[in-house]
C-alpha atoms as a PDB file:
ATOM      1  CA  UNK A   1      17.322  14.802  24.355  1.00  0.00           C
ATOM      2  CA  UNK A   2      15.604  12.271  22.405  1.00  0.00           C
ATOM      3  CA  UNK A   3      12.963   9.202  22.883  1.00  0.00           C
ATOM      4  CA  UNK A   4      12.675   6.195  20.947  1.00  0.00           C
ATOM      5  CA  UNK A   5      11.592   2.674  21.433  1.00  0.00           C
ATOM      6  CA  UNK A   6      14.416   0.657  23.119  1.00  0.00           C
ATOM      7  CA  UNK A   7      14.842  -1.664  19.894  1.00  0.00           C
ATOM      8  CA  UNK A   8      16.194   1.415  17.955  1.00  0.00           C
ATOM      9  CA  UNK A   9      19.000   2.039  20.699  1.00  0.00           C
ATOM     10  CA  UNK A  10      21.590  -0.173  18.872  1.00  0.00           C
ATOM     11  CA  UNK A  11      24.630   0.706  16.652  1.00  0.00           C
ATOM     12  CA  UNK A  12      24.374   0.970  13.068  1.00  0.00           C
ATOM     13  CA  UNK A  13      25.608  -2.153  11.230  1.00  0.00           C
ATOM     14  CA  UNK A  14      27.019  -2.460   7.749  1.00  0.00           C
ATOM     15  CA  UNK A  15      25.535  -5.797   7.097  1.00  0.00           C
ATOM     16  CA  UNK A  16      21.999  -6.540   6.264  1.00  0.00           C
ATOM     17  CA  UNK A  17      19.369  -8.882   7.449  1.00  0.00           C
ATOM     18  CA  UNK A  18      16.151  -9.123   9.152  1.00  0.00           C
ATOM     19  CA  UNK A  19      15.121  -6.670  11.774  1.00  0.00           C
ATOM     20  CA  UNK A  20      11.737  -5.201  12.375  1.00  0.00           C
ATOM     21  CA  UNK A  21       8.594  -7.595  12.594  1.00  0.00           C
ATOM     22  CA  UNK A  22       7.708 -10.841  13.950  1.00  0.00           C
ATOM     23  CA  UNK A  23       9.427 -13.926  12.268  1.00  0.00           C
ATOM     24  CA  UNK A  24       6.259 -15.906  12.175  1.00  0.00           C
ATOM     25  CA  UNK A  25       4.040 -13.228  10.607  1.00  0.00           C
ATOM     26  CA  UNK A  26       6.890 -12.318   7.863  1.00  0.00           C
ATOM     27  CA  UNK A  27       6.797 -16.008   6.889  1.00  0.00           C
ATOM     28  CA  UNK A  28       3.031 -16.302   6.594  1.00  0.00           C
ATOM     29  CA  UNK A  29       3.073 -12.933   4.697  1.00  0.00           C
ATOM     30  CA  UNK A  30       5.845 -14.718   2.370  1.00  0.00           C
ATOM     31  CA  UNK A  31       3.900 -17.785   1.746  1.00  0.00           C
ATOM     32  CA  UNK A  32       0.906 -15.638   0.855  1.00  0.00           C
ATOM     33  CA  UNK A  33       2.787 -13.573  -1.743  1.00  0.00           C
ATOM     34  CA  UNK A  34       4.578 -16.928  -3.213  1.00  0.00           C
ATOM     35  CA  UNK A  35       1.288 -18.680  -3.465  1.00  0.00           C
ATOM     36  CA  UNK A  36      -0.624 -15.608  -4.820  1.00  0.00           C
ATOM     37  CA  UNK A  37       2.099 -15.046  -7.448  1.00  0.00           C
ATOM     38  CA  UNK A  38       2.174 -18.488  -8.539  1.00  0.00           C
ATOM     39  CA  UNK A  39      -1.566 -19.090  -9.090  1.00  0.00           C
ATOM     40  CA  UNK A  40      -1.957 -15.850 -10.805  1.00  0.00           C
ATOM     41  CA  UNK A  41       1.000 -16.434 -13.238  1.00  0.00           C
ATOM     42  CA  UNK A  42      -0.491 -19.661 -14.045  1.00  0.00           C
ATOM     43  CA  UNK A  43      -4.195 -18.035 -14.692  1.00  0.00           C
ATOM     44  CA  UNK A  44      -2.658 -15.348 -16.820  1.00  0.00           C
ATOM     45  CA  UNK A  45      -1.165 -17.817 -19.222  1.00  0.00           C
ATOM     46  CA  UNK A  46      -4.212 -19.776 -19.538  1.00  0.00           C
ATOM     47  CA  UNK A  47      -6.351 -16.314 -19.822  1.00  0.00           C
ATOM     48  CA  UNK A  48      -4.179 -15.039 -22.543  1.00  0.00           C
ATOM     49  CA  UNK A  49      -4.125 -18.251 -24.665  1.00  0.00           C
ATOM     50  CA  UNK A  50      -8.053 -18.745 -24.115  1.00  0.00           C
ATOM     51  CA  UNK A  51      -8.613 -14.967 -25.066  1.00  0.00           C
ATOM     52  CA  UNK A  52      -6.641 -15.161 -28.207  1.00  0.00           C
ATOM     53  CA  UNK A  53      -8.038 -18.407 -29.408  1.00  0.00           C
ATOM     54  CA  UNK A  54     -11.726 -17.096 -28.432  1.00  0.00           C
ATOM     55  CA  UNK A  55     -10.954 -13.647 -29.891  1.00  0.00           C
ATOM     56  CA  UNK A  56     -12.401 -12.234 -26.681  1.00  0.00           C
ATOM     57  CA  UNK A  57     -11.153  -8.710 -25.784  1.00  0.00           C
ATOM     58  CA  UNK A  58     -12.595  -8.996 -22.317  1.00  0.00           C
ATOM     59  CA  UNK A  59     -10.555 -12.053 -21.495  1.00  0.00           C
ATOM     60  CA  UNK A  60      -7.415 -10.406 -23.084  1.00  0.00           C
ATOM     61  CA  UNK A  61      -8.062  -7.214 -21.014  1.00  0.00           C
ATOM     62  CA  UNK A  62      -8.607  -9.225 -18.019  1.00  0.00           C
ATOM     63  CA  UNK A  63      -5.404 -11.156 -18.640  1.00  0.00           C
ATOM     64  CA  UNK A  64      -3.434  -7.852 -19.071  1.00  0.00           C
ATOM     65  CA  UNK A  65      -5.059  -6.621 -15.725  1.00  0.00           C
ATOM     66  CA  UNK A  66      -4.074  -9.888 -13.895  1.00  0.00           C
ATOM     67  CA  UNK A  67      -0.420  -9.699 -15.392  1.00  0.00           C
ATOM     68  CA  UNK A  68      -0.230  -6.057 -13.953  1.00  0.00           C
ATOM     69  CA  UNK A  69      -1.511  -7.598 -10.727  1.00  0.00           C
ATOM     70  CA  UNK A  70       1.340 -10.064 -10.646  1.00  0.00           C
ATOM     71  CA  UNK A  71       3.654  -7.451 -11.107  1.00  0.00           C
ATOM     72  CA  UNK A  72       2.060  -5.352  -8.231  1.00  0.00           C
ATOM     73  CA  UNK A  73       2.305  -8.489  -6.073  1.00  0.00           C
ATOM     74  CA  UNK A  74       6.269  -8.978  -6.893  1.00  0.00           C
ATOM     75  CA  UNK A  75       6.704  -5.480  -6.260  1.00  0.00           C
ATOM     76  CA  UNK A  76       5.099  -5.348  -3.043  1.00  0.00           C
ATOM     77  CA  UNK A  77       6.669  -8.739  -1.811  1.00  0.00           C
ATOM     78  CA  UNK A  78      10.147  -7.221  -2.683  1.00  0.00           C
ATOM     79  CA  UNK A  79       9.373  -4.101  -0.965  1.00  0.00           C
ATOM     80  CA  UNK A  80       8.447  -6.129   2.286  1.00  0.00           C
ATOM     81  CA  UNK A  81      11.693  -7.940   1.973  1.00  0.00           C
ATOM     82  CA  UNK A  82      13.658  -4.954   1.726  1.00  0.00           C
ATOM     83  CA  UNK A  83      11.934  -3.296   4.617  1.00  0.00           C
ATOM     84  CA  UNK A  84      13.118  -6.105   6.831  1.00  0.00           C
ATOM     85  CA  UNK A  85      16.796  -5.227   6.288  1.00  0.00           C
ATOM     86  CA  UNK A  86      18.803  -3.462   9.030  1.00  0.00           C
ATOM     87  CA  UNK A  87      19.423   0.177   8.766  1.00  0.00           C
ATOM     88  CA  UNK A  88      23.322   1.121   8.048  1.00  0.00           C
ATOM     89  CA  UNK A  89      25.402   4.040   7.999  1.00  0.00           C
ATOM     90  CA  UNK A  90      24.001   5.266   4.572  1.00  0.00           C
ATOM     91  CA  UNK A  91      20.508   4.131   4.926  1.00  0.00           C
ATOM     92  CA  UNK A  92      19.931   5.242   8.470  1.00  0.00           C
ATOM     93  CA  UNK A  93      16.220   4.647   8.587  1.00  0.00           C
ATOM     94  CA  UNK A  94      16.664   1.261   6.750  1.00  0.00           C
ATOM     95  CA  UNK A  95      14.589   0.393   3.397  1.00  0.00           C
ATOM     96  CA  UNK A  96      11.168   0.563   4.745  1.00  0.00           C
ATOM     97  CA  UNK A  97      10.420   3.576   2.389  1.00  0.00           C
ATOM     98  CA  UNK A  98      10.483   1.173  -0.610  1.00  0.00           C
ATOM     99  CA  UNK A  99       7.073  -0.149   0.422  1.00  0.00           C
ATOM    100  CA  UNK A 100       5.679   3.317  -0.243  1.00  0.00           C
ATOM    101  CA  UNK A 101       7.530   3.441  -3.712  1.00  0.00           C
ATOM    102  CA  UNK A 102       6.124   0.106  -4.448  1.00  0.00           C
ATOM    103  CA  UNK A 103       2.816   1.180  -3.634  1.00  0.00           C
ATOM    104  CA  UNK A 104       3.015   4.038  -6.014  1.00  0.00           C
ATOM    105  CA  UNK A 105       4.621   2.074  -8.791  1.00  0.00           C
ATOM    106  CA  UNK A 106       1.559  -0.393  -8.665  1.00  0.00           C
ATOM    107  CA  UNK A 107      -1.008   2.308  -9.004  1.00  0.00           C
ATOM    108  CA  UNK A 108       0.906   3.897 -11.980  1.00  0.00           C
ATOM    109  CA  UNK A 109       1.332   0.471 -13.570  1.00  0.00           C
ATOM    110  CA  UNK A 110      -2.315  -0.254 -13.187  1.00  0.00           C
ATOM    111  CA  UNK A 111      -3.415   3.040 -14.668  1.00  0.00           C
ATOM    112  CA  UNK A 112      -1.208   2.331 -17.774  1.00  0.00           C
ATOM    113  CA  UNK A 113      -2.791  -0.811 -18.238  1.00  0.00           C
ATOM    114  CA  UNK A 114      -6.199   0.707 -17.959  1.00  0.00           C
ATOM    115  CA  UNK A 115      -5.125   3.110 -21.075  1.00  0.00           C
ATOM    116  CA  UNK A 116      -4.175   0.337 -23.104  1.00  0.00           C
ATOM    117  CA  UNK A 117      -7.278  -1.584 -22.450  1.00  0.00           C
ATOM    118  CA  UNK A 118      -9.505   1.391 -22.854  1.00  0.00           C
ATOM    119  CA  UNK A 119      -8.048   2.357 -26.416  1.00  0.00           C
ATOM    120  CA  UNK A 120      -8.600  -1.310 -27.859  1.00  0.00           C
ATOM    121  CA  UNK A 121     -11.959  -1.368 -26.407  1.00  0.00           C
ATOM    122  CA  UNK A 122     -13.148   1.794 -28.037  1.00  0.00           C
ATOM    123  CA  UNK A 123     -11.860   0.364 -31.277  1.00  0.00           C
ATOM    124  CA  UNK A 124     -13.722  -2.927 -30.657  1.00  0.00           C
ATOM    125  CA  UNK A 125     -17.053  -1.046 -29.920  1.00  0.00           C
ATOM    126  CA  UNK A 126     -16.892   0.329 -33.447  1.00  0.00           C
ATOM    127  CA  UNK A 127     -16.202  -3.066 -35.117  1.00  0.00           C
ATOM    128  CA  UNK A 128     -17.222  -5.838 -32.726  1.00  0.00           C
ATOM    129  CA  UNK A 129     -15.935  -9.374 -33.156  1.00  0.00           C
ATOM    130  CA  UNK A 130     -17.721 -12.681 -32.506  1.00  0.00           C
ATOM    131  CA  UNK A 131     -16.283 -14.666 -29.633  1.00  0.00           C
ATOM    132  CA  UNK A 132     -16.338 -18.280 -28.256  1.00  0.00           C
ATOM    133  CA  UNK A 133     -18.673 -17.827 -25.359  1.00  0.00           C
ATOM    134  CA  UNK A 134     -18.085 -21.457 -23.954  1.00  0.00           C
ATOM    135  CA  UNK A 135     -14.161 -20.690 -23.582  1.00  0.00           C
ATOM    136  CA  UNK A 136     -14.869 -17.365 -22.218  1.00  0.00           C
ATOM    137  CA  UNK A 137     -17.377 -18.646 -19.299  1.00  0.00           C
ATOM    138  CA  UNK A 138     -14.983 -21.513 -18.589  1.00  0.00           C
ATOM    139  CA  UNK A 139     -11.821 -19.395 -18.231  1.00  0.00           C
ATOM    140  CA  UNK A 140     -13.457 -16.471 -16.374  1.00  0.00           C
ATOM    141  CA  UNK A 141     -15.167 -19.080 -13.928  1.00  0.00           C
ATOM    142  CA  UNK A 142     -11.714 -20.306 -13.026  1.00  0.00           C
ATOM    143  CA  UNK A 143     -10.719 -16.542 -12.554  1.00  0.00           C
ATOM    144  CA  UNK A 144     -13.375 -16.016  -9.951  1.00  0.00           C
ATOM    145  CA  UNK A 145     -11.959 -19.039  -7.846  1.00  0.00           C
ATOM    146  CA  UNK A 146      -8.193 -17.999  -8.266  1.00  0.00           C
ATOM    147  CA  UNK A 147      -8.719 -14.449  -7.674  1.00  0.00           C
ATOM    148  CA  UNK A 148     -11.169 -15.184  -4.806  1.00  0.00           C
ATOM    149  CA  UNK A 149      -8.621 -17.413  -3.110  1.00  0.00           C
ATOM    150  CA  UNK A 150      -5.644 -15.112  -3.716  1.00  0.00           C
ATOM    151  CA  UNK A 151      -7.671 -12.189  -2.033  1.00  0.00           C
ATOM    152  CA  UNK A 152      -8.373 -14.337   0.918  1.00  0.00           C
ATOM    153  CA  UNK A 153      -4.713 -14.681   1.321  1.00  0.00           C
ATOM    154  CA  UNK A 154      -4.227 -11.050   2.293  1.00  0.00           C
ATOM    155  CA  UNK A 155      -7.489 -10.560   4.186  1.00  0.00           C
ATOM    156  CA  UNK A 156      -5.869 -10.578   7.588  1.00  0.00           C
ATOM    157  CA  UNK A 157      -3.083  -7.915   6.731  1.00  0.00           C
ATOM    158  CA  UNK A 158      -5.373  -5.446   4.603  1.00  0.00           C
ATOM    159  CA  UNK A 159      -5.787  -3.303   7.668  1.00  0.00           C
ATOM    160  CA  UNK A 160      -2.118  -2.801   8.734  1.00  0.00           C
ATOM    161  CA  UNK A 161      -0.070  -2.487   5.410  1.00  0.00           C
ATOM    162  CA  UNK A 162      -0.885  -0.286   2.491  1.00  0.00           C
ATOM    163  CA  UNK A 163       0.796  -2.750   0.056  1.00  0.00           C
ATOM    164  CA  UNK A 164      -1.162  -5.848   1.512  1.00  0.00           C
ATOM    165  CA  UNK A 165      -4.301  -3.928   1.351  1.00  0.00           C
ATOM    166  CA  UNK A 166      -3.612  -2.849  -2.356  1.00  0.00           C
ATOM    167  CA  UNK A 167      -3.089  -6.521  -3.130  1.00  0.00           C
ATOM    168  CA  UNK A 168      -6.340  -7.608  -1.364  1.00  0.00           C
ATOM    169  CA  UNK A 169      -8.134  -5.018  -3.447  1.00  0.00           C
ATOM    170  CA  UNK A 170      -6.690  -5.933  -6.600  1.00  0.00           C
ATOM    171  CA  UNK A 171      -7.506  -9.511  -6.186  1.00  0.00           C
ATOM    172  CA  UNK A 172     -10.957  -9.011  -4.840  1.00  0.00           C
ATOM    173  CA  UNK A 173     -11.857  -6.774  -7.735  1.00  0.00           C
ATOM    174  CA  UNK A 174     -10.347  -9.178 -10.117  1.00  0.00           C
ATOM    175  CA  UNK A 175     -12.794 -11.702  -8.894  1.00  0.00           C
ATOM    176  CA  UNK A 176     -15.721  -9.393  -9.262  1.00  0.00           C
ATOM    177  CA  UNK A 177     -14.543  -8.603 -12.789  1.00  0.00           C
ATOM    178  CA  UNK A 178     -14.324 -12.490 -13.788  1.00  0.00           C
ATOM    179  CA  UNK A 179     -17.692 -12.858 -12.525  1.00  0.00           C
ATOM    180  CA  UNK A 180     -19.038 -10.005 -14.711  1.00  0.00           C
ATOM    181  CA  UNK A 181     -17.150 -11.585 -17.770  1.00  0.00           C
ATOM    182  CA  UNK A 182     -19.185 -14.745 -16.892  1.00  0.00           C
ATOM    183  CA  UNK A 183     -22.551 -13.042 -16.852  1.00  0.00           C
ATOM    184  CA  UNK A 184     -21.557 -10.927 -19.973  1.00  0.00           C
ATOM    185  CA  UNK A 185     -20.598 -14.135 -22.155  1.00  0.00           C
ATOM    186  CA  UNK A 186     -23.989 -15.631 -20.902  1.00  0.00           C
ATOM    187  CA  UNK A 187     -25.866 -12.506 -21.962  1.00  0.00           C
ATOM    188  CA  UNK A 188     -23.930 -12.276 -25.272  1.00  0.00           C
ATOM    189  CA  UNK A 189     -24.725 -16.116 -26.039  1.00  0.00           C
ATOM    190  CA  UNK A 190     -28.422 -15.278 -25.403  1.00  0.00           C
ATOM    191  CA  UNK A 191     -28.813 -12.257 -27.251  1.00  0.00           C
ATOM    192  CA  UNK A 192     -25.948 -12.459 -29.942  1.00  0.00           C
ATOM    193  CA  UNK A 193     -25.030  -8.848 -29.059  1.00  0.00           C
ATOM    194  CA  UNK A 194     -21.280  -8.859 -30.010  1.00  0.00           C
ATOM    195  CA  UNK A 195     -20.924  -5.198 -28.311  1.00  0.00           C
ATOM    196  CA  UNK A 196     -21.183  -6.744 -24.922  1.00  0.00           C
ATOM    197  CA  UNK A 197     -17.518  -7.929 -24.955  1.00  0.00           C
ATOM    198  CA  UNK A 198     -15.805  -4.464 -25.629  1.00  0.00           C
ATOM    199  CA  UNK A 199     -18.364  -2.915 -23.508  1.00  0.00           C
ATOM    200  CA  UNK A 200     -17.360  -5.213 -20.626  1.00  0.00           C
ATOM    201  CA  UNK A 201     -13.527  -4.268 -21.337  1.00  0.00           C
ATOM    202  CA  UNK A 202     -14.676  -0.668 -20.574  1.00  0.00           C
ATOM    203  CA  UNK A 203     -16.433  -1.693 -17.424  1.00  0.00           C
ATOM    204  CA  UNK A 204     -13.263  -3.592 -16.446  1.00  0.00           C
ATOM    205  CA  UNK A 205     -11.158  -0.409 -17.035  1.00  0.00           C
ATOM    206  CA  UNK A 206     -13.629   1.623 -15.174  1.00  0.00           C
ATOM    207  CA  UNK A 207     -13.324  -0.770 -12.207  1.00  0.00           C
ATOM    208  CA  UNK A 208      -9.556  -0.950 -12.154  1.00  0.00           C
ATOM    209  CA  UNK A 209      -9.380   2.979 -12.213  1.00  0.00           C
ATOM    210  CA  UNK A 210     -11.920   3.347  -9.326  1.00  0.00           C
ATOM    211  CA  UNK A 211      -9.906   0.596  -7.237  1.00  0.00           C
ATOM    212  CA  UNK A 212      -6.581   2.146  -8.127  1.00  0.00           C
ATOM    213  CA  UNK A 213      -7.208   5.735  -7.509  1.00  0.00           C
ATOM    214  CA  UNK A 214      -7.209   5.440  -3.753  1.00  0.00           C
ATOM    215  CA  UNK A 215      -4.107   3.594  -3.815  1.00  0.00           C
ATOM    216  CA  UNK A 216      -2.592   6.273  -5.979  1.00  0.00           C
ATOM    217  CA  UNK A 217      -3.700   9.145  -3.794  1.00  0.00           C
ATOM    218  CA  UNK A 218      -2.334   7.482  -0.683  1.00  0.00           C
ATOM    219  CA  UNK A 219       0.812   6.483  -1.840  1.00  0.00           C
ATOM    220  CA  UNK A 220       1.510   9.832  -3.280  1.00  0.00           C
ATOM    221  CA  UNK A 221       0.904  11.331  -0.027  1.00  0.00           C
ATOM    222  CA  UNK A 222       3.183   9.127   1.872  1.00  0.00           C
ATOM    223  CA  UNK A 223       5.789   9.513  -0.779  1.00  0.00           C
ATOM    224  CA  UNK A 224       5.477  13.306   0.026  1.00  0.00           C
ATOM    225  CA  UNK A 225       5.841  12.764   3.706  1.00  0.00           C
ATOM    226  CA  UNK A 226       2.135  13.592   4.544  1.00  0.00           C
ATOM    227  CA  UNK A 227       0.988  12.571   7.950  1.00  0.00           C
ATOM    228  CA  UNK A 228      -0.756   9.048   7.502  1.00  0.00           C
ATOM    229  CA  UNK A 229      -4.383   9.316   7.055  1.00  0.00           C
ATOM    230  CA  UNK A 230      -4.830   6.928  10.361  1.00  0.00           C
ATOM    231  CA  UNK A 231      -3.097   9.579  12.668  1.00  0.00           C
ATOM    232  CA  UNK A 232      -4.786  12.832  13.922  1.00  0.00           C
ATOM    233  CA  UNK A 233      -2.072  15.327  14.085  1.00  0.00           C
ATOM    234  CA  UNK A 234      -4.153  17.739  15.982  1.00  0.00           C
ATOM    235  CA  UNK A 235      -4.880  15.102  18.625  1.00  0.00           C
ATOM    236  CA  UNK A 236      -1.034  14.164  18.932  1.00  0.00           C
ATOM    237  CA  UNK A 237      -0.168  17.764  19.346  1.00  0.00           C
ATOM    238  CA  UNK A 238      -2.827  18.224  22.246  1.00  0.00           C
ATOM    239  CA  UNK A 239      -1.564  14.962  23.892  1.00  0.00           C
ATOM    240  CA  UNK A 240       2.098  16.388  23.936  1.00  0.00           C
ATOM    241  CA  UNK A 241       0.834  19.781  25.113  1.00  0.00           C
ATOM    242  CA  UNK A 242      -0.949  18.229  27.830  1.00  0.00           C
ATOM    243  CA  UNK A 243       2.001  16.251  29.292  1.00  0.00           C
ATOM    244  CA  UNK A 244       3.168  17.529  32.892  1.00  0.00           C
ATOM    245  CA  UNK A 245       5.258  20.519  32.841  1.00  0.00           C
ATOM    246  CA  UNK A 246       5.048  21.037  29.235  1.00  0.00           C
ATOM    247  CA  UNK A 247       4.312  24.887  28.324  1.00  0.00           C
ATOM    248  CA  UNK A 248       4.533  24.559  24.500  1.00  0.00           C
ATOM    249  CA  UNK A 249       5.106  22.400  21.463  1.00  0.00           C
ATOM    250  CA  UNK A 250       6.754  23.174  18.300  1.00  0.00           C
ATOM    251  CA  UNK A 251       8.588  21.882  15.356  1.00  0.00           C
ATOM    252  CA  UNK A 252       6.146  18.870  15.316  1.00  0.00           C
ATOM    253  CA  UNK A 253       6.646  16.601  12.307  1.00  0.00           C
ATOM    254  CA  UNK A 254       4.930  13.350  11.561  1.00  0.00           C
ATOM    255  CA  UNK A 255       5.805  11.134   8.649  1.00  0.00           C
ATOM    256  CA  UNK A 256       5.722   7.792   7.237  1.00  0.00           C
ATOM    257  CA  UNK A 257       8.950   5.398   7.306  1.00  0.00           C
ATOM    258  CA  UNK A 258       7.305   2.666   5.380  1.00  0.00           C
ATOM    259  CA  UNK A 259       3.674   1.587   4.761  1.00  0.00           C
ATOM    260  CA  UNK A 260       3.400   0.259   8.157  1.00  0.00           C
ATOM    261  CA  UNK A 261       5.870   2.379  10.494  1.00  0.00           C
ATOM    262  CA  UNK A 262       5.487   6.121  11.335  1.00  0.00           C
ATOM    263  CA  UNK A 263       8.102   8.584  12.795  1.00  0.00           C
ATOM    264  CA  UNK A 264       7.742  11.716  14.868  1.00  0.00           C
ATOM    265  CA  UNK A 265       9.947  14.468  15.786  1.00  0.00           C
ATOM    266  CA  UNK A 266       8.801  17.582  18.176  1.00  0.00           C
ATOM    267  CA  UNK A 267      10.301  20.068  20.487  1.00  0.00           C
ATOM    268  CA  UNK A 268       8.777  20.416  24.059  1.00  0.00           C
ATOM    269  CA  UNK A 269       9.256  23.355  26.250  1.00  0.00           C
ATOM    270  CA  UNK A 270       9.439  22.360  30.019  1.00  0.00           C
ATOM    271  CA  UNK A 271      10.397  25.526  31.969  1.00  0.00           C
ATOM    272  CA  UNK A 272      10.750  23.676  35.481  1.00  0.00           C
ATOM    273  CA  UNK A 273      12.322  20.437  34.454  1.00  0.00           C
ATOM    274  CA  UNK A 274      14.438  19.447  31.404  1.00  0.00           C
ATOM    275  CA  UNK A 275      13.140  15.894  32.052  1.00  0.00           C
ATOM    276  CA  UNK A 276      14.669  12.724  32.116  1.00  0.00           C
ATOM    277  CA  UNK A 277      15.039   9.298  30.466  1.00  0.00           C
ATOM    278  CA  UNK A 278      11.835   7.931  32.385  1.00  0.00           C
ATOM    279  CA  UNK A 279       9.689  10.746  31.121  1.00  0.00           C
ATOM    280  CA  UNK A 280      11.109  10.379  27.603  1.00  0.00           C
ATOM    281  CA  UNK A 281      10.458   6.655  27.102  1.00  0.00           C
ATOM    282  CA  UNK A 282       7.032   6.931  28.851  1.00  0.00           C
ATOM    283  CA  UNK A 283       5.817   9.502  26.154  1.00  0.00           C
ATOM    284  CA  UNK A 284       7.489   7.357  23.347  1.00  0.00           C
ATOM    285  CA  UNK A 285       5.598   4.319  24.620  1.00  0.00           C
ATOM    286  CA  UNK A 286       2.516   6.192  24.891  1.00  0.00           C
ATOM    287  CA  UNK A 287       2.638   7.660  21.178  1.00  0.00           C
ATOM    288  CA  UNK A 288       3.238   4.142  20.023  1.00  0.00           C
ATOM    289  CA  UNK A 289       0.282   2.666  21.865  1.00  0.00           C
ATOM    290  CA  UNK A 290      -2.332   5.593  21.411  1.00  0.00           C
ATOM    291  CA  UNK A 291      -1.362   6.677  18.017  1.00  0.00           C
ATOM    292  CA  UNK A 292       0.564   4.163  16.346  1.00  0.00           C
ATOM    293  CA  UNK A 293       3.658   6.278  16.244  1.00  0.00           C
ATOM    294  CA  UNK A 294       6.688   3.749  16.249  1.00  0.00           C
ATOM    295  CA  UNK A 295       9.685   6.069  16.138  1.00  0.00           C
ATOM    296  CA  UNK A 296       9.560   9.171  18.290  1.00  0.00           C
ATOM    297  CA  UNK A 297      12.343  11.765  18.776  1.00  0.00           C
ATOM    298  CA  UNK A 298      11.744  14.546  21.380  1.00  0.00           C
ATOM    299  CA  UNK A 299      13.871  17.535  22.137  1.00  0.00           C
ATOM    300  CA  UNK A 300      13.408  19.202  25.620  1.00  0.00           C
ATOM    301  CA  UNK A 301      13.955  22.913  26.100  1.00  0.00           C
ATOM    302  CA  UNK A 302      13.635  25.228  29.118  1.00  0.00           C
ATOM    303  CA  UNK A 303      12.636  28.020  27.166  1.00  0.00           C
ATOM    304  CA  UNK A 304      14.747  30.415  29.335  1.00  0.00           C
ATOM    305  CA  UNK A 305      17.773  32.771  28.865  1.00  0.00           C
ATOM    306  CA  UNK A 306      16.145  34.732  26.310  1.00  0.00           C
ATOM    307  CA  UNK A 307      17.053  32.458  23.412  1.00  0.00           C
ATOM    308  CA  UNK A 308      14.240  31.238  21.297  1.00  0.00           C
ATOM    309  CA  UNK A 309      14.338  28.061  19.457  1.00  0.00           C
ATOM    310  CA  UNK A 310      14.988  28.849  15.588  1.00  0.00           C
ATOM    311  CA  UNK A 311      12.628  26.064  14.588  1.00  0.00           C
ATOM    312  CA  UNK A 312       9.712  27.418  16.631  1.00  0.00           C
ATOM    313  CA  UNK A 313       7.887  29.330  13.969  1.00  0.00           C
ATOM    314  CA  UNK A 314       5.219  26.871  12.359  1.00  0.00           C
ATOM    315  CA  UNK A 315       6.388  27.765   8.863  1.00  0.00           C
ATOM    316  CA  UNK A 316       9.978  27.016   9.467  1.00  0.00           C
ATOM    317  CA  UNK A 317      11.109  23.514   8.514  1.00  0.00           C
END
């Protein structure tokens, strides 16, 4: 027997359209992504041209970083759209897992950008070039505003979605990096130390790496079906084992369906009562409310007749 949220008890459809999630929330998120992409594409163009004209590697490095952030926003936005499509007979869980792949791709793209920035910065440290400090300060100051405003767009959703959290962290880090570029340009103008520009590029590379590492680690874990970090698997097992009439729990699996949805399967041994729909639905609702597990499938067993479940051993998948 299985338990699931009532919204999942529907025939699989061949067509595609919106499904999970509140329409108003989705619209607000779409607006945030659209505005964030538009603002950052415009800023990347301005920053790249200004960096080229001023011969500032710090500006060019930040432009490359911001371009990778635009790609990250587009990937996350696309995954969000895909995750709203209904499941069908081939994709029985829907397309929500694309959000996990998007987060993983974003992390990899950022680390590739870090490598390119670091190589050029090391070359420039050995042979620093003069830069136009006025242009650098003006453009970087605009970056503080643009990146800060974009980060604010994703502030509300950063706690519930890995992709949105990634977008928020990237934009917030960009605002800080742009502020550091302003400070560096002022210091370079006051001291004449040309090495400050490539040194700032190395600092930018370090900041990107530090901010990306957690995203890479978590998205990799989710892609490999690890229990999401916010869920205590031991507490879930204790809850199931403590249910009335349950003598044992085995074959417990918890994994992410997307960056926002979690699934669970488990076998519950109830020797005296095989259970009923009310019991199953109550357990599924409690798993959702208490642990954030949205899609629960439970198999009930009596544990009698001398026939043991072949999936009972903990090392059997």
